[in-house]
Amino acid sequence: MLLSVVDQHAISLGPLPADQLRRNTHQMAASLIACGVDPKRTLLFRQSDVPQIAQLSWILGSLQTTSKLARLPQYKEKQERFKKGDIPVGLLTYPLLQAADVLTFFGTTVPVGEDQSQHMNLLGGLAYAFNKTYQTDIFPIPKQLTRDSHARVRSLREPEKKMSKSSGGPRSRIEITDSRETIFDKCQKAQSDNAGKITYDKENRLAVSNLIDLYSAVAKIPISEIDFSDWTTLELKHSLAEIIDKKLSPIRQTFQDLEKSNEVSLCDKISYTRN
């Protein structure tokens, strides 16, 4: 498996100070290792260390139109932040670089959330267009790998949106480095309702259903087997915070240990030749 710390994607919404970008890259690598990624079995690298990715992205840009890129939902959503119309080009071309991330290594399967389905369609279309244009079969058409359950992790504050680090504010998400106190605070302030008895109803009670979904995912218990009939909303939030903290506690500790020891390294010698 290949995992990339995408430092070039990180500046798609605008530049970052070099020291902050280096720090963020190191912390992301430490986070992945803390979550269980074994660098001995996984190729973990920094995106910018493979210049062929950016080069392929430029070529793919010649096979795509700006109008199609501008119709992608994530572009439409994020462009709203730029009230003056000063939208960075990197936001528009983000999917091209994303496609190059996969095609540079001749990827065949991409594990992603359901929100990436349209980007995966774009990726497949670009692979097909390249092969047809240059009369080759060099790029396979990558397949999307998405779990049926919990394919979308929703925001704590706006459950109609996905949980994301790039939008929604810090209270909308749980980070693996969050302290126990922070986790409880975020869960307690998560959006819910005042309908009384807890019920799972995504159509009419999305906020409460989102909390139940999160509990089910972290506890690894099917929703049908969770007895929340006697819970209050406060008890649901407390139980959710408790189980999240229990899950993240060893990850958080490993991350802190890696940060202190500075024993995080990224592969800098990468072969991208197709077998």
C-alpha atoms as a PDB file:
ATOM      1  CA  MET A   1       0.000   0.000   0.000  1.00  0.00           C
ATOM      2  CA  LEU A   2       1.117   3.545  -0.740  1.00  0.00           C
ATOM      3  CA  LEU A   3       0.292   6.480   1.540  1.00  0.00           C
ATOM      4  CA  SER A   4       1.259  10.031   0.729  1.00  0.00           C
ATOM      5  CA  VAL A   5       1.502  13.031   3.037  1.00  0.00           C
ATOM      6  CA  VAL A   6       0.093  15.541   0.580  1.00  0.00           C
ATOM      7  CA  ASP A   7       2.023  18.734   1.245  1.00  0.00           C
ATOM      8  CA  GLN A   8       1.150  20.101  -2.206  1.00  0.00           C
ATOM      9  CA  HIS A   9      -2.573  19.580  -1.713  1.00  0.00           C
ATOM     10  CA  ALA A  10      -2.140  21.397   1.604  1.00  0.00           C
ATOM     11  CA  ILE A  11      -1.499  24.696  -0.173  1.00  0.00           C
ATOM     12  CA  SER A  12      -4.363  24.445  -2.672  1.00  0.00           C
ATOM     13  CA  LEU A  13      -6.311  27.090  -0.741  1.00  0.00           C
ATOM     14  CA  GLY A  14      -3.313  29.394  -0.433  1.00  0.00           C
ATOM     15  CA  PRO A  15       0.330  29.389   0.692  1.00  0.00           C
ATOM     16  CA  LEU A  16       1.524  28.386   4.159  1.00  0.00           C
ATOM     17  CA  PRO A  17       4.742  29.424   5.922  1.00  0.00           C
ATOM     18  CA  ALA A  18       7.492  26.891   5.165  1.00  0.00           C
ATOM     19  CA  ASP A  19       8.065  26.005   8.818  1.00  0.00           C
ATOM     20  CA  GLN A  20       4.351  25.389   9.362  1.00  0.00           C
ATOM     21  CA  LEU A  21       4.133  23.180   6.273  1.00  0.00           C
ATOM     22  CA  ARG A  22       7.126  21.129   7.444  1.00  0.00           C
ATOM     23  CA  ARG A  23       5.618  20.807  10.910  1.00  0.00           C
ATOM     24  CA  ASN A  24       2.226  19.792   9.528  1.00  0.00           C
ATOM     25  CA  THR A  25       3.874  17.191   7.282  1.00  0.00           C
ATOM     26  CA  HIS A  26       5.776  15.695  10.209  1.00  0.00           C
ATOM     27  CA  GLN A  27       2.656  15.627  12.383  1.00  0.00           C
ATOM     28  CA  MET A  28       0.589  13.950   9.687  1.00  0.00           C
ATOM     29  CA  ALA A  29       3.218  11.232   9.254  1.00  0.00           C
ATOM     30  CA  ALA A  30       3.329  10.747  13.036  1.00  0.00           C
ATOM     31  CA  SER A  31      -0.475  10.561  13.107  1.00  0.00           C
ATOM     32  CA  LEU A  32      -0.577   7.836  10.463  1.00  0.00           C
ATOM     33  CA  ILE A  33       2.054   5.774  12.259  1.00  0.00           C
ATOM     34  CA  ALA A  34       0.265   6.274  15.589  1.00  0.00           C
ATOM     35  CA  CYS A  35      -2.934   4.967  13.980  1.00  0.00           C
ATOM     36  CA  GLY A  36      -1.165   1.735  13.055  1.00  0.00           C
ATOM     37  CA  VAL A  37       0.503   2.321   9.696  1.00  0.00           C
ATOM     38  CA  ASP A  38       3.683   0.237   9.608  1.00  0.00           C
ATOM     39  CA  PRO A  39       6.381   2.024   7.548  1.00  0.00           C
ATOM     40  CA  LYS A  40       8.056  -1.358   6.995  1.00  0.00           C
ATOM     41  CA  ARG A  41       4.993  -2.644   5.152  1.00  0.00           C
ATOM     42  CA  THR A  42       3.662   0.598   3.692  1.00  0.00           C
ATOM     43  CA  LEU A  43       5.324   3.094   1.387  1.00  0.00           C
ATOM     44  CA  LEU A  44       4.815   6.332   3.326  1.00  0.00           C
ATOM     45  CA  PHE A  45       6.180   9.333   1.478  1.00  0.00           C
ATOM     46  CA  ARG A  46       5.896  13.089   1.036  1.00  0.00           C
ATOM     47  CA  GLN A  47       4.012  14.095  -2.104  1.00  0.00           C
ATOM     48  CA  SER A  48       6.492  16.786  -3.149  1.00  0.00           C
ATOM     49  CA  ASP A  49       9.357  14.271  -3.044  1.00  0.00           C
ATOM     50  CA  VAL A  50       7.938  12.711  -6.218  1.00  0.00           C
ATOM     51  CA  PRO A  51       8.058  15.470  -8.882  1.00  0.00           C
ATOM     52  CA  GLN A  52       6.507  13.122 -11.437  1.00  0.00           C
ATOM     53  CA  ILE A  53       3.150  13.579  -9.657  1.00  0.00           C
ATOM     54  CA  ALA A  54       3.052  17.309 -10.405  1.00  0.00           C
ATOM     55  CA  GLN A  55       4.351  16.687 -13.935  1.00  0.00           C
ATOM     56  CA  LEU A  56       1.591  14.182 -14.664  1.00  0.00           C
ATOM     57  CA  SER A  57      -0.960  16.541 -13.132  1.00  0.00           C
ATOM     58  CA  TRP A  58       0.008  19.170 -15.724  1.00  0.00           C
ATOM     59  CA  ILE A  59      -0.414  16.677 -18.567  1.00  0.00           C
ATOM     60  CA  LEU A  60      -3.811  15.592 -17.227  1.00  0.00           C
ATOM     61  CA  GLY A  61      -4.828  19.248 -17.241  1.00  0.00           C
ATOM     62  CA  SER A  62      -4.583  19.213 -21.032  1.00  0.00           C
ATOM     63  CA  LEU A  63      -7.202  16.454 -21.078  1.00  0.00           C
ATOM     64  CA  GLN A  64      -9.731  18.257 -18.888  1.00  0.00           C
ATOM     65  CA  THR A  65     -11.855  21.401 -19.095  1.00  0.00           C
ATOM     66  CA  THR A  66     -12.186  24.143 -16.495  1.00  0.00           C
ATOM     67  CA  SER A  67     -15.984  24.004 -16.750  1.00  0.00           C
ATOM     68  CA  LYS A  68     -16.076  20.359 -15.678  1.00  0.00           C
ATOM     69  CA  LEU A  69     -13.691  20.975 -12.785  1.00  0.00           C
ATOM     70  CA  ALA A  70     -15.789  23.955 -11.673  1.00  0.00           C
ATOM     71  CA  ARG A  71     -18.912  21.770 -11.509  1.00  0.00           C
ATOM     72  CA  LEU A  72     -17.448  19.412  -8.914  1.00  0.00           C
ATOM     73  CA  PRO A  73     -19.318  19.751  -5.568  1.00  0.00           C
ATOM     74  CA  GLN A  74     -16.230  20.268  -3.417  1.00  0.00           C
ATOM     75  CA  TYR A  75     -15.068  23.146  -5.608  1.00  0.00           C
ATOM     76  CA  LYS A  76     -18.492  24.776  -5.422  1.00  0.00           C
ATOM     77  CA  GLU A  77     -18.553  24.394  -1.645  1.00  0.00           C
ATOM     78  CA  LYS A  78     -15.066  25.731  -0.969  1.00  0.00           C
ATOM     79  CA  GLN A  79     -15.180  28.602  -3.443  1.00  0.00           C
ATOM     80  CA  GLU A  80     -17.834  30.212  -1.240  1.00  0.00           C
ATOM     81  CA  ARG A  81     -15.092  31.132   1.228  1.00  0.00           C
ATOM     82  CA  PHE A  82     -13.632  33.563  -1.265  1.00  0.00           C
ATOM     83  CA  LYS A  83     -16.194  36.348  -1.200  1.00  0.00           C
ATOM     84  CA  LYS A  84     -14.105  38.642  -3.396  1.00  0.00           C
ATOM     85  CA  GLY A  85     -13.766  36.028  -6.130  1.00  0.00           C
ATOM     86  CA  ASP A  86     -10.030  35.601  -5.502  1.00  0.00           C
ATOM     87  CA  ILE A  87     -10.197  31.813  -5.772  1.00  0.00           C
ATOM     88  CA  PRO A  88      -6.775  30.107  -5.932  1.00  0.00           C
ATOM     89  CA  VAL A  89      -6.122  28.120  -9.106  1.00  0.00           C
ATOM     90  CA  GLY A  90      -4.975  25.272  -6.851  1.00  0.00           C
ATOM     91  CA  LEU A  91      -8.548  24.762  -5.653  1.00  0.00           C
ATOM     92  CA  LEU A  92      -9.787  24.253  -9.206  1.00  0.00           C
ATOM     93  CA  THR A  93      -6.935  21.933 -10.220  1.00  0.00           C
ATOM     94  CA  TYR A  94      -6.934  19.968  -6.949  1.00  0.00           C
ATOM     95  CA  PRO A  95      -8.697  16.955  -8.565  1.00  0.00           C
ATOM     96  CA  LEU A  96      -6.038  16.803 -11.302  1.00  0.00           C
ATOM     97  CA  LEU A  97      -3.278  16.523  -8.721  1.00  0.00           C
ATOM     98  CA  GLN A  98      -5.409  14.003  -6.851  1.00  0.00           C
ATOM     99  CA  ALA A  99      -5.714  11.922 -10.023  1.00  0.00           C
ATOM    100  CA  ALA A 100      -1.969  12.134 -10.575  1.00  0.00           C
ATOM    101  CA  ASP A 101      -1.410  10.884  -7.011  1.00  0.00           C
ATOM    102  CA  VAL A 102      -3.017   7.615  -8.069  1.00  0.00           C
ATOM    103  CA  LEU A 103      -1.985   7.276 -11.710  1.00  0.00           C
ATOM    104  CA  THR A 104       1.707   8.012 -11.126  1.00  0.00           C
ATOM    105  CA  PHE A 105       1.900   4.704  -9.262  1.00  0.00           C
ATOM    106  CA  PHE A 106      -0.519   2.898 -11.606  1.00  0.00           C
ATOM    107  CA  GLY A 107      -2.974   2.504  -8.733  1.00  0.00           C
ATOM    108  CA  THR A 108      -5.795   0.031  -9.197  1.00  0.00           C
ATOM    109  CA  THR A 109      -7.799   0.508  -5.980  1.00  0.00           C
ATOM    110  CA  VAL A 110      -8.365   3.691  -3.968  1.00  0.00           C
ATOM    111  CA  PRO A 111      -9.884   3.554  -0.450  1.00  0.00           C
ATOM    112  CA  VAL A 112     -12.000   6.707  -0.090  1.00  0.00           C
ATOM    113  CA  GLY A 113     -15.202   7.986   1.476  1.00  0.00           C
ATOM    114  CA  GLU A 114     -18.432   8.237  -0.481  1.00  0.00           C
ATOM    115  CA  ASP A 115     -17.932  11.995  -0.924  1.00  0.00           C
ATOM    116  CA  GLN A 116     -15.069  11.231  -3.313  1.00  0.00           C
ATOM    117  CA  SER A 117     -17.220   9.320  -5.816  1.00  0.00           C
ATOM    118  CA  GLN A 118     -17.282  12.146  -8.359  1.00  0.00           C
ATOM    119  CA  HIS A 119     -13.530  12.630  -8.077  1.00  0.00           C
ATOM    120  CA  MET A 120     -13.128   8.894  -8.684  1.00  0.00           C
ATOM    121  CA  ASN A 121     -15.296   9.200 -11.803  1.00  0.00           C
ATOM    122  CA  LEU A 122     -13.061  12.046 -12.945  1.00  0.00           C
ATOM    123  CA  LEU A 123      -9.974   9.937 -12.209  1.00  0.00           C
ATOM    124  CA  GLY A 124     -11.296   7.055 -14.291  1.00  0.00           C
ATOM    125  CA  GLY A 125     -12.187   9.420 -17.107  1.00  0.00           C
ATOM    126  CA  LEU A 126      -8.705  10.933 -17.124  1.00  0.00           C
ATOM    127  CA  ALA A 127      -7.034   7.513 -17.189  1.00  0.00           C
ATOM    128  CA  TYR A 128      -9.259   6.510 -20.110  1.00  0.00           C
ATOM    129  CA  ALA A 129      -8.667   9.804 -21.948  1.00  0.00           C
ATOM    130  CA  PHE A 130      -4.893   9.526 -21.553  1.00  0.00           C
ATOM    131  CA  ASN A 131      -4.841   5.945 -22.828  1.00  0.00           C
ATOM    132  CA  LYS A 132      -7.052   6.829 -25.801  1.00  0.00           C
ATOM    133  CA  THR A 133      -5.197  10.031 -26.690  1.00  0.00           C
ATOM    134  CA  TYR A 134      -1.754   8.457 -26.578  1.00  0.00           C
ATOM    135  CA  GLN A 135      -2.884   5.032 -27.863  1.00  0.00           C
ATOM    136  CA  THR A 136      -1.654   3.093 -24.866  1.00  0.00           C
ATOM    137  CA  ASP A 137      -2.994   1.022 -22.000  1.00  0.00           C
ATOM    138  CA  ILE A 138      -0.459   2.235 -19.462  1.00  0.00           C
ATOM    139  CA  PHE A 139      -3.011   3.425 -16.887  1.00  0.00           C
ATOM    140  CA  PRO A 140      -5.528   1.011 -15.355  1.00  0.00           C
ATOM    141  CA  ILE A 141      -8.976   2.415 -14.519  1.00  0.00           C
ATOM    142  CA  PRO A 142      -8.826   2.627 -10.694  1.00  0.00           C
ATOM    143  CA  LYS A 143     -11.680   1.214  -8.641  1.00  0.00           C
ATOM    144  CA  GLN A 144     -13.203   2.913  -5.621  1.00  0.00           C
ATOM    145  CA  LEU A 145     -13.051   1.048  -2.319  1.00  0.00           C
ATOM    146  CA  THR A 146     -15.672   2.392   0.100  1.00  0.00           C
ATOM    147  CA  ARG A 147     -17.135   0.612   3.095  1.00  0.00           C
ATOM    148  CA  ASP A 148     -20.919   0.413   2.993  1.00  0.00           C
ATOM    149  CA  SER A 149     -21.152   1.279   6.680  1.00  0.00           C
ATOM    150  CA  HIS A 150     -19.904   4.652   7.913  1.00  0.00           C
ATOM    151  CA  ALA A 151     -18.802   5.666   4.416  1.00  0.00           C
ATOM    152  CA  ARG A 152     -19.279   9.301   5.436  1.00  0.00           C
ATOM    153  CA  VAL A 153     -18.233  10.690   8.822  1.00  0.00           C
ATOM    154  CA  ARG A 154     -20.419  13.714   9.498  1.00  0.00           C
ATOM    155  CA  SER A 155     -19.634  17.003  11.205  1.00  0.00           C
ATOM    156  CA  LEU A 156     -20.514  17.360  14.885  1.00  0.00           C
ATOM    157  CA  ARG A 157     -21.838  20.883  14.309  1.00  0.00           C
ATOM    158  CA  GLU A 158     -23.361  20.546  10.838  1.00  0.00           C
ATOM    159  CA  PRO A 159     -24.314  16.883  10.351  1.00  0.00           C
ATOM    160  CA  GLU A 160     -25.498  17.539   6.813  1.00  0.00           C
ATOM    161  CA  LYS A 161     -21.816  18.080   5.979  1.00  0.00           C
ATOM    162  CA  LYS A 162     -18.846  15.748   6.332  1.00  0.00           C
ATOM    163  CA  MET A 163     -16.384  15.999   9.207  1.00  0.00           C
ATOM    164  CA  SER A 164     -13.417  17.875   7.787  1.00  0.00           C
ATOM    165  CA  LYS A 165     -10.256  19.583   8.954  1.00  0.00           C
ATOM    166  CA  SER A 166     -10.464  22.154   6.180  1.00  0.00           C
ATOM    167  CA  SER A 167     -13.889  23.525   7.098  1.00  0.00           C
ATOM    168  CA  GLY A 168     -16.425  23.825   9.875  1.00  0.00           C
ATOM    169  CA  GLY A 169     -14.148  24.974  12.679  1.00  0.00           C
ATOM    170  CA  PRO A 170     -12.377  22.906  15.368  1.00  0.00           C
ATOM    171  CA  ARG A 171     -15.597  22.019  17.235  1.00  0.00           C
ATOM    172  CA  SER A 172     -16.976  20.275  14.146  1.00  0.00           C
ATOM    173  CA  ARG A 173     -14.482  17.425  14.323  1.00  0.00           C
ATOM    174  CA  ILE A 174     -12.600  15.076  16.635  1.00  0.00           C
ATOM    175  CA  GLU A 175      -8.845  15.031  16.118  1.00  0.00           C
ATOM    176  CA  ILE A 176      -6.721  12.075  17.196  1.00  0.00           C
ATOM    177  CA  THR A 177      -4.561  14.434  19.258  1.00  0.00           C
ATOM    178  CA  ASP A 178      -7.512  15.885  21.192  1.00  0.00           C
ATOM    179  CA  SER A 179      -7.266  15.557  24.969  1.00  0.00           C
ATOM    180  CA  ARG A 180      -9.947  13.755  26.962  1.00  0.00           C
ATOM    181  CA  GLU A 181     -11.306  17.104  28.130  1.00  0.00           C
ATOM    182  CA  THR A 182     -11.485  18.429  24.566  1.00  0.00           C
ATOM    183  CA  ILE A 183     -13.272  15.309  23.315  1.00  0.00           C
ATOM    184  CA  PHE A 184     -15.913  15.593  26.040  1.00  0.00           C
ATOM    185  CA  ASP A 185     -16.356  19.303  25.356  1.00  0.00           C
ATOM    186  CA  LYS A 186     -16.831  18.754  21.617  1.00  0.00           C
ATOM    187  CA  CYS A 187     -19.290  15.898  22.119  1.00  0.00           C
ATOM    188  CA  GLN A 188     -21.315  17.824  24.693  1.00  0.00           C
ATOM    189  CA  LYS A 189     -21.609  20.769  22.302  1.00  0.00           C
ATOM    190  CA  ALA A 190     -22.379  18.632  19.262  1.00  0.00           C
ATOM    191  CA  GLN A 191     -25.627  19.450  17.494  1.00  0.00           C
ATOM    192  CA  SER A 192     -28.641  17.456  18.694  1.00  0.00           C
ATOM    193  CA  ASP A 193     -32.353  18.193  19.284  1.00  0.00           C
ATOM    194  CA  ASN A 194     -34.959  18.402  22.031  1.00  0.00           C
ATOM    195  CA  ALA A 195     -37.269  15.662  20.805  1.00  0.00           C
ATOM    196  CA  GLY A 196     -36.862  13.671  24.008  1.00  0.00           C
ATOM    197  CA  LYS A 197     -36.500   9.914  23.600  1.00  0.00           C
ATOM    198  CA  ILE A 198     -33.497   8.877  21.518  1.00  0.00           C
ATOM    199  CA  THR A 199     -34.422   7.367  18.156  1.00  0.00           C
ATOM    200  CA  TYR A 200     -32.410   6.600  15.042  1.00  0.00           C
ATOM    201  CA  ASP A 201     -34.025   8.478  12.177  1.00  0.00           C
ATOM    202  CA  LYS A 202     -31.678   9.994   9.604  1.00  0.00           C
ATOM    203  CA  GLU A 203     -34.473  11.662   7.682  1.00  0.00           C
ATOM    204  CA  ASN A 204     -36.062  13.524  10.590  1.00  0.00           C
ATOM    205  CA  ARG A 205     -33.353  13.478  13.290  1.00  0.00           C
ATOM    206  CA  LEU A 206     -30.059  13.696  11.417  1.00  0.00           C
ATOM    207  CA  ALA A 207     -28.078  15.302  14.271  1.00  0.00           C
ATOM    208  CA  VAL A 208     -28.947  12.636  16.857  1.00  0.00           C
ATOM    209  CA  SER A 209     -28.604   9.870  14.271  1.00  0.00           C
ATOM    210  CA  ASN A 210     -25.127  11.188  13.483  1.00  0.00           C
ATOM    211  CA  LEU A 211     -24.091  10.746  17.130  1.00  0.00           C
ATOM    212  CA  ILE A 212     -25.462   7.197  17.088  1.00  0.00           C
ATOM    213  CA  ASP A 213     -23.582   6.491  13.845  1.00  0.00           C
ATOM    214  CA  LEU A 214     -20.339   7.687  15.438  1.00  0.00           C
ATOM    215  CA  TYR A 215     -20.938   5.566  18.525  1.00  0.00           C
ATOM    216  CA  SER A 216     -21.632   2.512  16.356  1.00  0.00           C
ATOM    217  CA  ALA A 217     -18.489   3.081  14.271  1.00  0.00           C
ATOM    218  CA  VAL A 218     -16.128   3.552  17.216  1.00  0.00           C
ATOM    219  CA  ALA A 219     -17.669   0.796  19.353  1.00  0.00           C
ATOM    220  CA  LYS A 220     -17.893  -1.530  16.327  1.00  0.00           C
ATOM    221  CA  ILE A 221     -21.438  -2.431  17.307  1.00  0.00           C
ATOM    222  CA  PRO A 222     -24.259  -2.515  14.731  1.00  0.00           C
ATOM    223  CA  ILE A 223     -26.870   0.154  15.387  1.00  0.00           C
ATOM    224  CA  SER A 224     -29.530  -2.547  15.653  1.00  0.00           C
ATOM    225  CA  GLU A 225     -27.688  -3.975  18.677  1.00  0.00           C
ATOM    226  CA  ILE A 226     -27.292  -0.697  20.591  1.00  0.00           C
ATOM    227  CA  ASP A 227     -29.902  -0.219  23.313  1.00  0.00           C
ATOM    228  CA  PHE A 228     -30.286   3.539  23.549  1.00  0.00           C
ATOM    229  CA  SER A 229     -34.010   3.503  24.310  1.00  0.00           C
ATOM    230  CA  ASP A 230     -33.518   4.793  27.865  1.00  0.00           C
ATOM    231  CA  TRP A 231     -30.740   7.265  27.084  1.00  0.00           C
ATOM    232  CA  THR A 232     -31.131  11.006  27.218  1.00  0.00           C
ATOM    233  CA  THR A 233     -29.303  13.148  24.690  1.00  0.00           C
ATOM    234  CA  LEU A 234     -26.820  14.093  27.403  1.00  0.00           C
ATOM    235  CA  GLU A 235     -26.164  10.423  28.197  1.00  0.00           C
ATOM    236  CA  LEU A 236     -25.676   9.648  24.506  1.00  0.00           C
ATOM    237  CA  LYS A 237     -23.106  12.427  24.198  1.00  0.00           C
ATOM    238  CA  HIS A 238     -21.321  11.311  27.376  1.00  0.00           C
ATOM    239  CA  SER A 239     -21.196   7.669  26.205  1.00  0.00           C
ATOM    240  CA  LEU A 240     -19.926   8.777  22.801  1.00  0.00           C
ATOM    241  CA  ALA A 241     -17.174  10.911  24.344  1.00  0.00           C
ATOM    242  CA  GLU A 242     -16.163   8.084  26.669  1.00  0.00           C
ATOM    243  CA  ILE A 243     -15.800   5.499  23.934  1.00  0.00           C
ATOM    244  CA  ILE A 244     -13.980   7.908  21.588  1.00  0.00           C
ATOM    245  CA  ASP A 245     -11.482   8.817  24.294  1.00  0.00           C
ATOM    246  CA  LYS A 246     -10.921   5.134  25.093  1.00  0.00           C
ATOM    247  CA  LYS A 247     -10.241   4.452  21.406  1.00  0.00           C
ATOM    248  CA  LEU A 248      -7.961   7.438  20.865  1.00  0.00           C
ATOM    249  CA  SER A 249      -6.043   7.352  24.140  1.00  0.00           C
ATOM    250  CA  PRO A 250      -3.313   4.882  23.007  1.00  0.00           C
ATOM    251  CA  ILE A 251      -3.103   6.579  19.599  1.00  0.00           C
ATOM    252  CA  ARG A 252      -2.722   9.958  21.261  1.00  0.00           C
ATOM    253  CA  GLN A 253       0.026   8.630  23.519  1.00  0.00           C
ATOM    254  CA  THR A 254       1.928   7.063  20.614  1.00  0.00           C
ATOM    255  CA  PHE A 255       1.663  10.318  18.673  1.00  0.00           C
ATOM    256  CA  GLN A 256       3.060  12.275  21.619  1.00  0.00           C
ATOM    257  CA  ASP A 257       5.909   9.782  22.014  1.00  0.00           C
ATOM    258  CA  LEU A 258       6.774  10.070  18.313  1.00  0.00           C
ATOM    259  CA  GLU A 259       6.719  13.852  18.549  1.00  0.00           C
ATOM    260  CA  LYS A 260       9.107  13.828  21.508  1.00  0.00           C
ATOM    261  CA  SER A 261      11.498  11.268  20.026  1.00  0.00           C
ATOM    262  CA  ASN A 262      11.419  12.793  16.539  1.00  0.00           C
ATOM    263  CA  GLU A 263      11.569   9.235  15.178  1.00  0.00           C
ATOM    264  CA  VAL A 264       9.415   9.828  12.129  1.00  0.00           C
ATOM    265  CA  SER A 265      10.894   9.389   8.680  1.00  0.00           C
ATOM    266  CA  LEU A 266       9.362   9.457   5.227  1.00  0.00           C
ATOM    267  CA  CYS A 267      10.595   7.361   2.341  1.00  0.00           C
ATOM    268  CA  ASP A 268      12.657   9.527  -0.014  1.00  0.00           C
ATOM    269  CA  LYS A 269      13.602   6.853  -2.551  1.00  0.00           C
ATOM    270  CA  ILE A 270      10.549   5.808  -4.488  1.00  0.00           C
ATOM    271  CA  SER A 271      10.231   3.578  -7.509  1.00  0.00           C
ATOM    272  CA  TYR A 272       7.291   4.404  -9.746  1.00  0.00           C
ATOM    273  CA  THR A 273       8.073   1.989 -12.587  1.00  0.00           C
ATOM    274  CA  ARG A 274       5.161  -0.200 -13.576  1.00  0.00           C
ATOM    275  CA  ASN A 275       5.761  -3.932 -13.179  1.00  0.00           C
END
